[in-house]
Amino acid sequence: MRISLDSADPEFADEVIREPGGSGIRFCIACSTCSAGCPVRRVSDDYNPRRIIRLILTGQRDTVLKSDFIWHCSSCCTCDERCPQGVHIPSVMTALRNIAAREGHLPAGYEKQRELLMHHGRLYEIDDFDNGKRMKADLPVIVTSNRLIRLLADSLAKERIEGYRESP
């Protein structure tokens, strides 16, 4: 992949560094140890941790945040254990995912999971059939409620708004 500096965002690396988990990217020496040991890299040509860090450092904001590859990291920490510079790639991927999610760049499956959580309070809707099987097995009935998820979502939204007000 050829990197174009014409559309580069020089602030992108600093934005990632400010995000929890993103601070280690400046220590990357591009040795490729992370990519060489990555089990996801073995099955997906799209996922290459060294290349992703290079894209961040060269300001390729849209390429990174709008891509699916930042969602491929399995957080197995193989890269983390082998990195000679101590760059914690899974945390960097989480930082990127957080930025992408805030900007609405979620893969379809994640958006569907969010909808299910907000509507049912869980990823799998428990219905009368499921509860009937539970009662036959002497298990308690599960009441589906999204009340706690809504409270959490409202709290996080309020915190995010207040955090933006406090930012310089």
Protein backbone atom coordinates (compact mmCIF):
# COMPACT_ATOMS: atom_id res chain seq x y z
CA MET A 1 0.00 0.00 0.00
CA ARG A 2 1.33 3.37 -0.98
CA ILE A 3 1.05 6.11 1.64
CA SER A 4 -0.01 9.52 0.38
CA LEU A 5 1.08 12.47 2.46
CA ASP A 6 -1.15 14.84 0.47
CA SER A 7 -4.16 13.99 2.63
CA ALA A 8 -2.21 13.35 5.84
CA ASP A 9 -3.52 14.59 9.16
CA PRO A 10 -0.43 15.65 11.14
CA GLU A 11 -2.47 15.65 14.39
CA PHE A 12 -3.66 12.05 14.07
CA ALA A 13 -0.74 10.43 15.89
CA ASP A 14 -1.13 12.88 18.77
CA GLU A 15 -4.86 12.12 18.92
CA VAL A 16 -4.12 8.39 19.18
CA ILE A 17 -1.45 9.03 21.84
CA ARG A 18 -3.96 11.02 23.95
CA GLU A 19 -6.43 8.12 23.80
CA PRO A 20 -6.03 5.56 26.64
CA GLY A 21 -3.77 2.79 25.33
CA GLY A 22 -2.36 4.74 22.41
CA SER A 23 0.74 6.24 23.98
CA GLY A 24 3.19 3.53 22.92
CA ILE A 25 3.06 4.13 19.16
CA ARG A 26 5.94 6.62 19.15
CA PHE A 27 8.29 3.90 20.48
CA CYS A 28 7.75 1.63 17.46
CA ILE A 29 10.97 1.06 15.51
CA ALA A 30 9.19 -0.82 12.69
CA CYS A 31 11.10 -4.04 13.37
CA SER A 32 8.07 -6.12 12.29
CA THR A 33 8.28 -8.48 15.27
CA CYS A 34 4.61 -7.77 15.99
CA SER A 35 3.54 -8.73 12.49
CA ALA A 36 5.79 -11.79 12.33
CA GLY A 37 4.25 -13.37 15.42
CA CYS A 38 0.64 -12.28 14.92
CA PRO A 39 -1.78 -15.20 14.41
CA VAL A 40 -4.34 -12.90 12.76
CA ARG A 41 -1.69 -11.70 10.29
CA ARG A 42 -1.17 -15.31 9.22
CA VAL A 43 -4.77 -15.57 8.02
CA SER A 44 -5.50 -11.97 6.96
CA ASP A 45 -3.34 -9.92 4.64
CA ASP A 46 -5.30 -6.82 5.71
CA TYR A 47 -4.09 -7.00 9.29
CA ASN A 48 -0.50 -5.91 9.81
CA PRO A 49 0.26 -4.18 13.14
CA ARG A 50 3.51 -2.62 11.90
CA ARG A 51 1.75 -1.16 8.88
CA ILE A 52 -1.10 0.18 11.02
CA ILE A 53 1.34 2.01 13.29
CA ARG A 54 3.12 3.41 10.23
CA LEU A 55 -0.25 4.63 8.88
CA ILE A 56 -0.96 6.34 12.22
CA LEU A 57 2.45 8.02 12.37
CA THR A 58 2.11 9.29 8.80
CA GLY A 59 -1.32 10.78 9.50
CA GLN A 60 -3.48 8.43 7.44
CA ARG A 61 -6.52 9.07 9.62
CA ASP A 62 -9.31 8.08 7.21
CA THR A 63 -7.49 5.00 5.97
CA VAL A 64 -7.10 3.74 9.54
CA LEU A 65 -10.40 4.73 11.15
CA LYS A 66 -12.63 3.72 8.23
CA SER A 67 -10.96 0.36 7.74
CA ASP A 68 -12.07 -3.01 9.02
CA PHE A 69 -8.52 -4.07 9.89
CA ILE A 70 -8.45 -2.26 13.24
CA TRP A 71 -11.26 -4.59 14.33
CA HIS A 72 -9.32 -7.76 13.46
CA CYS A 73 -6.93 -7.79 16.45
CA SER A 74 -7.76 -10.74 18.70
CA SER A 75 -5.93 -9.22 21.71
CA CYS A 76 -3.88 -12.40 22.14
CA CYS A 77 -0.90 -10.24 23.23
CA THR A 78 1.67 -12.24 21.22
CA CYS A 79 2.92 -8.96 19.76
CA ASP A 80 3.01 -7.35 23.19
CA GLU A 81 5.14 -10.15 24.63
CA ARG A 82 7.63 -10.00 21.76
CA CYS A 83 7.94 -6.26 21.10
CA PRO A 84 11.46 -5.06 21.99
CA GLN A 85 10.11 -1.55 22.58
CA GLY A 86 7.15 -2.53 24.77
CA VAL A 87 4.48 -1.27 22.38
CA HIS A 88 1.18 -2.78 23.50
CA ILE A 89 -0.55 -3.28 20.13
CA PRO A 90 -3.87 -4.56 21.58
CA SER A 91 -4.20 -1.31 23.56
CA VAL A 92 -3.38 0.71 20.45
CA MET A 93 -6.09 -1.18 18.54
CA THR A 94 -8.55 -0.45 21.36
CA ALA A 95 -7.63 3.24 21.19
CA LEU A 96 -8.22 3.23 17.43
CA ARG A 97 -11.52 1.40 17.83
CA ASN A 98 -12.67 3.93 20.40
CA ILE A 99 -11.91 6.85 18.10
CA ALA A 100 -13.53 5.08 15.14
CA ALA A 101 -16.64 4.18 17.15
CA ARG A 102 -17.07 7.77 18.37
CA GLU A 103 -17.02 8.88 14.75
CA GLY A 104 -19.52 6.24 13.64
CA HIS A 105 -17.10 3.90 11.87
CA LEU A 106 -18.36 0.57 13.21
CA PRO A 107 -18.51 -2.67 11.25
CA ALA A 108 -22.09 -3.82 10.64
CA GLY A 109 -21.85 -6.65 13.18
CA TYR A 110 -20.82 -4.31 15.97
CA GLU A 111 -23.66 -1.93 15.19
CA LYS A 112 -26.14 -4.81 15.35
CA GLN A 113 -24.71 -5.91 18.72
CA ARG A 114 -25.10 -2.35 20.02
CA GLU A 115 -28.72 -2.30 18.89
CA LEU A 116 -29.44 -5.64 20.58
CA LEU A 117 -27.83 -4.49 23.83
CA MET A 118 -29.73 -1.22 23.84
CA HIS A 119 -33.06 -2.90 23.05
CA HIS A 120 -32.86 -6.14 25.06
CA GLY A 121 -30.05 -5.51 27.54
CA ARG A 122 -28.16 -8.53 26.15
CA LEU A 123 -26.95 -9.89 22.81
CA TYR A 124 -29.41 -12.76 22.86
CA GLU A 125 -33.07 -12.02 23.52
CA ILE A 126 -34.50 -14.38 26.10
CA ASP A 127 -38.06 -15.32 25.16
CA ASP A 128 -40.80 -17.51 26.66
CA PHE A 129 -39.43 -20.60 24.92
CA ASP A 130 -35.98 -20.12 26.51
CA ASN A 131 -37.47 -19.46 29.94
CA GLY A 132 -39.71 -22.51 29.57
CA LYS A 133 -36.62 -24.68 29.04
CA ARG A 134 -34.97 -23.04 32.05
CA MET A 135 -37.97 -23.74 34.28
CA LYS A 136 -38.00 -27.41 33.21
CA ALA A 137 -34.35 -27.60 34.26
CA ASP A 138 -35.13 -25.91 37.61
CA LEU A 139 -33.26 -22.77 36.61
CA PRO A 140 -34.55 -19.29 37.42
CA VAL A 141 -36.42 -17.32 34.76
CA ILE A 142 -34.34 -14.61 33.10
CA VAL A 143 -36.07 -11.26 32.84
CA THR A 144 -34.93 -9.26 29.84
CA SER A 145 -34.32 -5.63 30.71
CA ASN A 146 -32.25 -2.93 29.10
CA ARG A 147 -32.49 -0.63 32.14
CA LEU A 148 -28.86 -1.10 33.30
CA ILE A 149 -27.47 -0.81 29.77
CA ARG A 150 -29.47 2.41 29.25
CA LEU A 151 -28.18 3.83 32.55
CA LEU A 152 -24.61 3.00 31.55
CA ALA A 153 -25.04 4.47 28.06
CA ASP A 154 -26.60 7.65 29.45
CA SER A 155 -23.83 7.96 32.04
CA LEU A 156 -21.10 7.51 29.41
CA ALA A 157 -22.78 10.03 27.10
CA LYS A 158 -23.01 12.57 29.93
CA GLU A 159 -19.36 11.95 30.87
CA ARG A 160 -18.26 12.40 27.25
CA ILE A 161 -20.18 15.70 26.93
CA GLU A 162 -18.73 17.01 30.21
CA GLY A 163 -15.25 15.88 29.13
CA TYR A 164 -15.55 17.86 25.90
CA ARG A 165 -16.59 20.98 27.85
CA GLU A 166 -13.48 20.69 30.01
CA SER A 167 -11.12 20.23 27.03
CA PRO A 168 -9.09 23.30 26.05
